[in-house]
């Protein structure tokens, strides 16, 4: 009988302790850091000024350049919350599976006949995840139309992205873009 009373008393004490513990307030955590919309927009604009470096190759020419990207539209089929994005696109929305439209100003050396190295692209790209929903590895394939001092034309592109989609390597091939037929880009995208 003593043994049974001891078990009942232990069970009652444990239940009372658990009930009291659940009534206690959880330890307070520091409030989340807030950012005003103006500061967030300014920070986003500054990050967009960071260009992606280029390695330009053609027959007899090797050079460098820089490329920026503006993304006015993305439809992400890899996320359920807000699948349509404009301008500010989180890497997970892009690399978990998406279709994007983009505009890309760039400067690539070695323009023929002392022409300007500046060119502009407008194109579309499809992103597909390979590993960890695209956060570890994703790839893209796309096409673009470019305008340059040597003429206009079409280009094809393929790319691979790592580190949550922030870093990537893309290869753009434009057979008619004189002395800049193949452009390799180390893609850096924060948003």
C-alpha atoms as a PDB file:
ATOM      1  CA  UNK A   1       0.000   0.000   0.000  1.00  0.00           C
ATOM      2  CA  UNK A   2       2.851   2.337   0.822  1.00  0.00           C
ATOM      3  CA  UNK A   3       4.390   1.641  -2.533  1.00  0.00           C
ATOM      4  CA  UNK A   4       1.105   2.493  -4.332  1.00  0.00           C
ATOM      5  CA  UNK A   5       0.748   5.757  -2.389  1.00  0.00           C
ATOM      6  CA  UNK A   6       4.305   6.690  -3.304  1.00  0.00           C
ATOM      7  CA  UNK A   7       3.584   6.132  -7.026  1.00  0.00           C
ATOM      8  CA  UNK A   8       0.377   8.189  -6.872  1.00  0.00           C
ATOM      9  CA  UNK A   9       2.158  10.997  -5.017  1.00  0.00           C
ATOM     10  CA  UNK A  10       5.010  11.007  -7.594  1.00  0.00           C
ATOM     11  CA  UNK A  11       2.566  11.071 -10.510  1.00  0.00           C
ATOM     12  CA  UNK A  12       0.589  13.910  -8.890  1.00  0.00           C
ATOM     13  CA  UNK A  13       3.758  15.920  -8.242  1.00  0.00           C
ATOM     14  CA  UNK A  14       4.962  15.428 -11.830  1.00  0.00           C
ATOM     15  CA  UNK A  15       1.587  16.455 -13.272  1.00  0.00           C
ATOM     16  CA  UNK A  16       1.445  19.537 -11.053  1.00  0.00           C
ATOM     17  CA  UNK A  17       4.992  20.506 -12.027  1.00  0.00           C
ATOM     18  CA  UNK A  18       4.240  20.154 -15.754  1.00  0.00           C
ATOM     19  CA  UNK A  19       1.015  22.140 -15.428  1.00  0.00           C
ATOM     20  CA  UNK A  20       2.783  24.945 -13.593  1.00  0.00           C
ATOM     21  CA  UNK A  21       5.664  24.939 -16.070  1.00  0.00           C
ATOM     22  CA  UNK A  22       3.285  25.391 -18.997  1.00  0.00           C
ATOM     23  CA  UNK A  23       1.663  28.399 -17.264  1.00  0.00           C
ATOM     24  CA  UNK A  24       4.983  30.217 -17.045  1.00  0.00           C
ATOM     25  CA  UNK A  25       5.715  32.749 -19.727  1.00  0.00           C
ATOM     26  CA  UNK A  26       8.363  31.691 -22.211  1.00  0.00           C
ATOM     27  CA  UNK A  27      11.666  33.505 -21.867  1.00  0.00           C
ATOM     28  CA  UNK A  28      11.462  36.809 -23.651  1.00  0.00           C
ATOM     29  CA  UNK A  29      13.401  37.106 -26.862  1.00  0.00           C
ATOM     30  CA  UNK A  30      14.709  40.350 -28.228  1.00  0.00           C
ATOM     31  CA  UNK A  31      12.324  42.101 -30.601  1.00  0.00           C
ATOM     32  CA  UNK A  32      13.033  41.540 -34.312  1.00  0.00           C
ATOM     33  CA  UNK A  33      15.074  44.213 -35.994  1.00  0.00           C
ATOM     34  CA  UNK A  34      12.788  46.339 -38.109  1.00  0.00           C
ATOM     35  CA  UNK A  35      13.708  48.304 -41.179  1.00  0.00           C
ATOM     36  CA  UNK A  36      11.728  51.128 -42.681  1.00  0.00           C
ATOM     37  CA  UNK A  37      10.577  50.676 -46.293  1.00  0.00           C
ATOM     38  CA  UNK A  38      12.783  53.583 -47.389  1.00  0.00           C
ATOM     39  CA  UNK A  39      15.895  52.017 -45.848  1.00  0.00           C
ATOM     40  CA  UNK A  40      15.011  48.600 -47.325  1.00  0.00           C
ATOM     41  CA  UNK A  41      14.554  50.131 -50.792  1.00  0.00           C
ATOM     42  CA  UNK A  42      17.833  52.036 -50.491  1.00  0.00           C
ATOM     43  CA  UNK A  43      19.705  48.908 -49.393  1.00  0.00           C
ATOM     44  CA  UNK A  44      18.207  46.919 -52.277  1.00  0.00           C
ATOM     45  CA  UNK A  45      19.237  49.638 -54.779  1.00  0.00           C
ATOM     46  CA  UNK A  46      22.821  49.692 -53.491  1.00  0.00           C
ATOM     47  CA  UNK A  47      23.110  45.889 -53.721  1.00  0.00           C
ATOM     48  CA  UNK A  48      21.877  46.016 -57.328  1.00  0.00           C
ATOM     49  CA  UNK A  49      24.876  48.172 -58.246  1.00  0.00           C
ATOM     50  CA  UNK A  50      27.250  45.250 -57.598  1.00  0.00           C
ATOM     51  CA  UNK A  51      28.070  43.897 -61.089  1.00  0.00           C
ATOM     52  CA  UNK A  52      28.817  40.326 -62.095  1.00  0.00           C
ATOM     53  CA  UNK A  53      32.328  39.994 -63.581  1.00  0.00           C
ATOM     54  CA  UNK A  54      32.658  38.675 -67.132  1.00  0.00           C
ATOM     55  CA  UNK A  55      35.329  36.668 -68.967  1.00  0.00           C
ATOM     56  CA  UNK A  56      34.990  37.353 -72.701  1.00  0.00           C
ATOM     57  CA  UNK A  57      36.338  34.900 -75.306  1.00  0.00           C
ATOM     58  CA  UNK A  58      36.445  34.881 -79.078  1.00  0.00           C
ATOM     59  CA  UNK A  59      38.809  33.877 -81.842  1.00  0.00           C
ATOM     60  CA  UNK A  60      42.069  35.591 -80.991  1.00  0.00           C
ATOM     61  CA  UNK A  61      40.610  37.764 -78.206  1.00  0.00           C
ATOM     62  CA  UNK A  62      40.289  37.342 -74.469  1.00  0.00           C
ATOM     63  CA  UNK A  63      39.043  40.087 -72.204  1.00  0.00           C
ATOM     64  CA  UNK A  64      36.854  41.100 -69.314  1.00  0.00           C
ATOM     65  CA  UNK A  65      33.663  42.976 -68.603  1.00  0.00           C
ATOM     66  CA  UNK A  66      30.827  43.551 -66.147  1.00  0.00           C
ATOM     67  CA  UNK A  67      27.103  42.796 -66.228  1.00  0.00           C
ATOM     68  CA  UNK A  68      24.107  43.954 -64.205  1.00  0.00           C
ATOM     69  CA  UNK A  69      20.616  42.486 -64.226  1.00  0.00           C
ATOM     70  CA  UNK A  70      17.176  43.975 -63.699  1.00  0.00           C
ATOM     71  CA  UNK A  71      14.339  41.477 -63.229  1.00  0.00           C
ATOM     72  CA  UNK A  72      10.926  43.080 -63.794  1.00  0.00           C
ATOM     73  CA  UNK A  73       9.009  39.764 -63.674  1.00  0.00           C
ATOM     74  CA  UNK A  74       9.439  36.299 -62.145  1.00  0.00           C
ATOM     75  CA  UNK A  75       6.868  33.531 -61.865  1.00  0.00           C
ATOM     76  CA  UNK A  76       8.094  31.021 -59.289  1.00  0.00           C
ATOM     77  CA  UNK A  77       6.507  27.584 -59.432  1.00  0.00           C
ATOM     78  CA  UNK A  78       8.807  26.412 -56.620  1.00  0.00           C
ATOM     79  CA  UNK A  79       7.220  28.519 -53.854  1.00  0.00           C
ATOM     80  CA  UNK A  80       3.566  28.771 -52.906  1.00  0.00           C
ATOM     81  CA  UNK A  81       3.600  32.160 -51.167  1.00  0.00           C
ATOM     82  CA  UNK A  82       3.553  35.014 -53.682  1.00  0.00           C
ATOM     83  CA  UNK A  83       4.642  33.135 -56.824  1.00  0.00           C
ATOM     84  CA  UNK A  84       4.684  36.346 -58.914  1.00  0.00           C
ATOM     85  CA  UNK A  85       7.563  38.673 -58.064  1.00  0.00           C
ATOM     86  CA  UNK A  86       8.844  41.913 -59.573  1.00  0.00           C
ATOM     87  CA  UNK A  87      12.297  43.476 -59.200  1.00  0.00           C
ATOM     88  CA  UNK A  88      12.980  42.189 -55.641  1.00  0.00           C
ATOM     89  CA  UNK A  89      13.299  38.419 -56.041  1.00  0.00           C
ATOM     90  CA  UNK A  90      14.654  36.295 -53.214  1.00  0.00           C
ATOM     91  CA  UNK A  91      17.100  33.635 -54.434  1.00  0.00           C
ATOM     92  CA  UNK A  92      14.890  30.788 -53.107  1.00  0.00           C
ATOM     93  CA  UNK A  93      11.976  31.996 -55.260  1.00  0.00           C
ATOM     94  CA  UNK A  94      14.196  31.986 -58.331  1.00  0.00           C
ATOM     95  CA  UNK A  95      16.188  28.771 -57.845  1.00  0.00           C
ATOM     96  CA  UNK A  96      13.452  26.516 -56.504  1.00  0.00           C
ATOM     97  CA  UNK A  97      11.951  26.707 -59.999  1.00  0.00           C
ATOM     98  CA  UNK A  98      10.940  29.822 -61.907  1.00  0.00           C
ATOM     99  CA  UNK A  99      10.578  31.610 -65.211  1.00  0.00           C
ATOM    100  CA  UNK A 100      11.988  35.136 -65.364  1.00  0.00           C
ATOM    101  CA  UNK A 101      12.089  38.031 -67.776  1.00  0.00           C
ATOM    102  CA  UNK A 102      15.158  40.246 -67.457  1.00  0.00           C
ATOM    103  CA  UNK A 103      17.018  43.218 -68.867  1.00  0.00           C
ATOM    104  CA  UNK A 104      20.787  43.217 -68.617  1.00  0.00           C
ATOM    105  CA  UNK A 105      23.097  46.125 -69.396  1.00  0.00           C
ATOM    106  CA  UNK A 106      26.744  45.089 -69.718  1.00  0.00           C
ATOM    107  CA  UNK A 107      30.140  46.232 -70.817  1.00  0.00           C
ATOM    108  CA  UNK A 108      32.344  43.651 -72.541  1.00  0.00           C
ATOM    109  CA  UNK A 109      35.729  44.523 -73.963  1.00  0.00           C
ATOM    110  CA  UNK A 110      37.003  43.892 -77.436  1.00  0.00           C
ATOM    111  CA  UNK A 111      34.268  45.499 -79.523  1.00  0.00           C
ATOM    112  CA  UNK A 112      35.319  45.514 -83.203  1.00  0.00           C
ATOM    113  CA  UNK A 113      36.362  48.680 -85.064  1.00  0.00           C
ATOM    114  CA  UNK A 114      36.886  50.627 -81.843  1.00  0.00           C
ATOM    115  CA  UNK A 115      33.140  50.470 -81.156  1.00  0.00           C
ATOM    116  CA  UNK A 116      31.713  50.795 -77.693  1.00  0.00           C
ATOM    117  CA  UNK A 117      31.790  47.748 -75.479  1.00  0.00           C
ATOM    118  CA  UNK A 118      28.345  48.543 -74.064  1.00  0.00           C
ATOM    119  CA  UNK A 119      25.439  46.322 -74.994  1.00  0.00           C
ATOM    120  CA  UNK A 120      21.955  45.653 -73.675  1.00  0.00           C
ATOM    121  CA  UNK A 121      20.098  42.360 -73.453  1.00  0.00           C
ATOM    122  CA  UNK A 122      16.462  41.476 -72.916  1.00  0.00           C
ATOM    123  CA  UNK A 123      15.650  37.852 -72.363  1.00  0.00           C
ATOM    124  CA  UNK A 124      13.897  35.008 -70.606  1.00  0.00           C
ATOM    125  CA  UNK A 125      15.346  32.296 -68.397  1.00  0.00           C
ATOM    126  CA  UNK A 126      14.050  29.044 -66.883  1.00  0.00           C
ATOM    127  CA  UNK A 127      15.472  27.944 -63.501  1.00  0.00           C
ATOM    128  CA  UNK A 128      15.197  24.367 -62.240  1.00  0.00           C
ATOM    129  CA  UNK A 129      16.413  22.983 -58.905  1.00  0.00           C
ATOM    130  CA  UNK A 130      18.849  20.061 -58.858  1.00  0.00           C
ATOM    131  CA  UNK A 131      19.614  19.560 -55.139  1.00  0.00           C
ATOM    132  CA  UNK A 132      17.960  20.769 -51.905  1.00  0.00           C
ATOM    133  CA  UNK A 133      15.151  22.643 -53.660  1.00  0.00           C
ATOM    134  CA  UNK A 134      17.742  24.669 -55.566  1.00  0.00           C
ATOM    135  CA  UNK A 135      19.515  25.936 -52.446  1.00  0.00           C
ATOM    136  CA  UNK A 136      22.527  23.645 -52.957  1.00  0.00           C
ATOM    137  CA  UNK A 137      22.481  23.427 -56.747  1.00  0.00           C
ATOM    138  CA  UNK A 138      20.228  24.791 -59.496  1.00  0.00           C
ATOM    139  CA  UNK A 139      20.598  25.329 -63.222  1.00  0.00           C
ATOM    140  CA  UNK A 140      19.147  27.654 -65.830  1.00  0.00           C
ATOM    141  CA  UNK A 141      18.664  27.819 -69.560  1.00  0.00           C
ATOM    142  CA  UNK A 142      17.602  30.880 -71.488  1.00  0.00           C
ATOM    143  CA  UNK A 143      17.756  33.079 -74.498  1.00  0.00           C
ATOM    144  CA  UNK A 144      18.148  36.792 -75.106  1.00  0.00           C
ATOM    145  CA  UNK A 145      18.105  39.464 -77.752  1.00  0.00           C
ATOM    146  CA  UNK A 146      20.998  41.933 -77.618  1.00  0.00           C
ATOM    147  CA  UNK A 147      21.746  45.362 -79.063  1.00  0.00           C
ATOM    148  CA  UNK A 148      25.392  46.291 -79.526  1.00  0.00           C
ATOM    149  CA  UNK A 149      27.484  48.679 -81.607  1.00  0.00           C
ATOM    150  CA  UNK A 150      28.385  45.818 -83.976  1.00  0.00           C
ATOM    151  CA  UNK A 151      24.731  44.909 -84.584  1.00  0.00           C
ATOM    152  CA  UNK A 152      21.812  43.120 -82.986  1.00  0.00           C
ATOM    153  CA  UNK A 153      21.232  39.420 -82.556  1.00  0.00           C
ATOM    154  CA  UNK A 154      20.214  36.450 -80.472  1.00  0.00           C
ATOM    155  CA  UNK A 155      22.115  34.641 -77.737  1.00  0.00           C
ATOM    156  CA  UNK A 156      21.662  31.400 -75.801  1.00  0.00           C
ATOM    157  CA  UNK A 157      22.666  30.850 -72.181  1.00  0.00           C
ATOM    158  CA  UNK A 158      23.113  28.047 -69.681  1.00  0.00           C
ATOM    159  CA  UNK A 159      24.063  28.427 -66.023  1.00  0.00           C
ATOM    160  CA  UNK A 160      24.603  26.657 -62.700  1.00  0.00           C
ATOM    161  CA  UNK A 161      24.063  28.214 -59.253  1.00  0.00           C
ATOM    162  CA  UNK A 162      25.190  27.317 -55.713  1.00  0.00           C
ATOM    163  CA  UNK A 163      25.153  28.784 -52.191  1.00  0.00           C
ATOM    164  CA  UNK A 164      21.392  29.398 -52.059  1.00  0.00           C
ATOM    165  CA  UNK A 165      21.465  30.781 -55.607  1.00  0.00           C
ATOM    166  CA  UNK A 166      23.686  33.724 -54.721  1.00  0.00           C
ATOM    167  CA  UNK A 167      26.704  32.568 -56.756  1.00  0.00           C
ATOM    168  CA  UNK A 168      26.596  31.108 -60.229  1.00  0.00           C
ATOM    169  CA  UNK A 169      28.452  30.564 -63.436  1.00  0.00           C
ATOM    170  CA  UNK A 170      26.699  31.229 -66.726  1.00  0.00           C
ATOM    171  CA  UNK A 171      27.886  30.888 -70.304  1.00  0.00           C
ATOM    172  CA  UNK A 172      26.312  33.093 -72.967  1.00  0.00           C
ATOM    173  CA  UNK A 173      26.905  32.231 -76.618  1.00  0.00           C
ATOM    174  CA  UNK A 174      26.151  34.793 -79.330  1.00  0.00           C
ATOM    175  CA  UNK A 175      27.714  33.645 -82.636  1.00  0.00           C
ATOM    176  CA  UNK A 176      27.042  36.964 -84.406  1.00  0.00           C
ATOM    177  CA  UNK A 177      28.434  39.220 -81.634  1.00  0.00           C
ATOM    178  CA  UNK A 178      31.823  39.940 -83.205  1.00  0.00           C
ATOM    179  CA  UNK A 179      34.824  39.381 -80.931  1.00  0.00           C
ATOM    180  CA  UNK A 180      32.510  38.599 -77.994  1.00  0.00           C
ATOM    181  CA  UNK A 181      30.971  35.318 -79.120  1.00  0.00           C
ATOM    182  CA  UNK A 182      31.329  33.540 -75.754  1.00  0.00           C
ATOM    183  CA  UNK A 183      30.878  35.349 -72.445  1.00  0.00           C
ATOM    184  CA  UNK A 184      31.331  33.563 -69.128  1.00  0.00           C
ATOM    185  CA  UNK A 185      29.822  35.348 -66.141  1.00  0.00           C
ATOM    186  CA  UNK A 186      30.412  34.824 -62.437  1.00  0.00           C
ATOM    187  CA  UNK A 187      26.848  35.646 -61.430  1.00  0.00           C
ATOM    188  CA  UNK A 188      26.375  37.390 -58.088  1.00  0.00           C
ATOM    189  CA  UNK A 189      22.736  37.936 -57.073  1.00  0.00           C
ATOM    190  CA  UNK A 190      21.530  38.931 -53.646  1.00  0.00           C
ATOM    191  CA  UNK A 191      17.938  39.703 -54.759  1.00  0.00           C
END
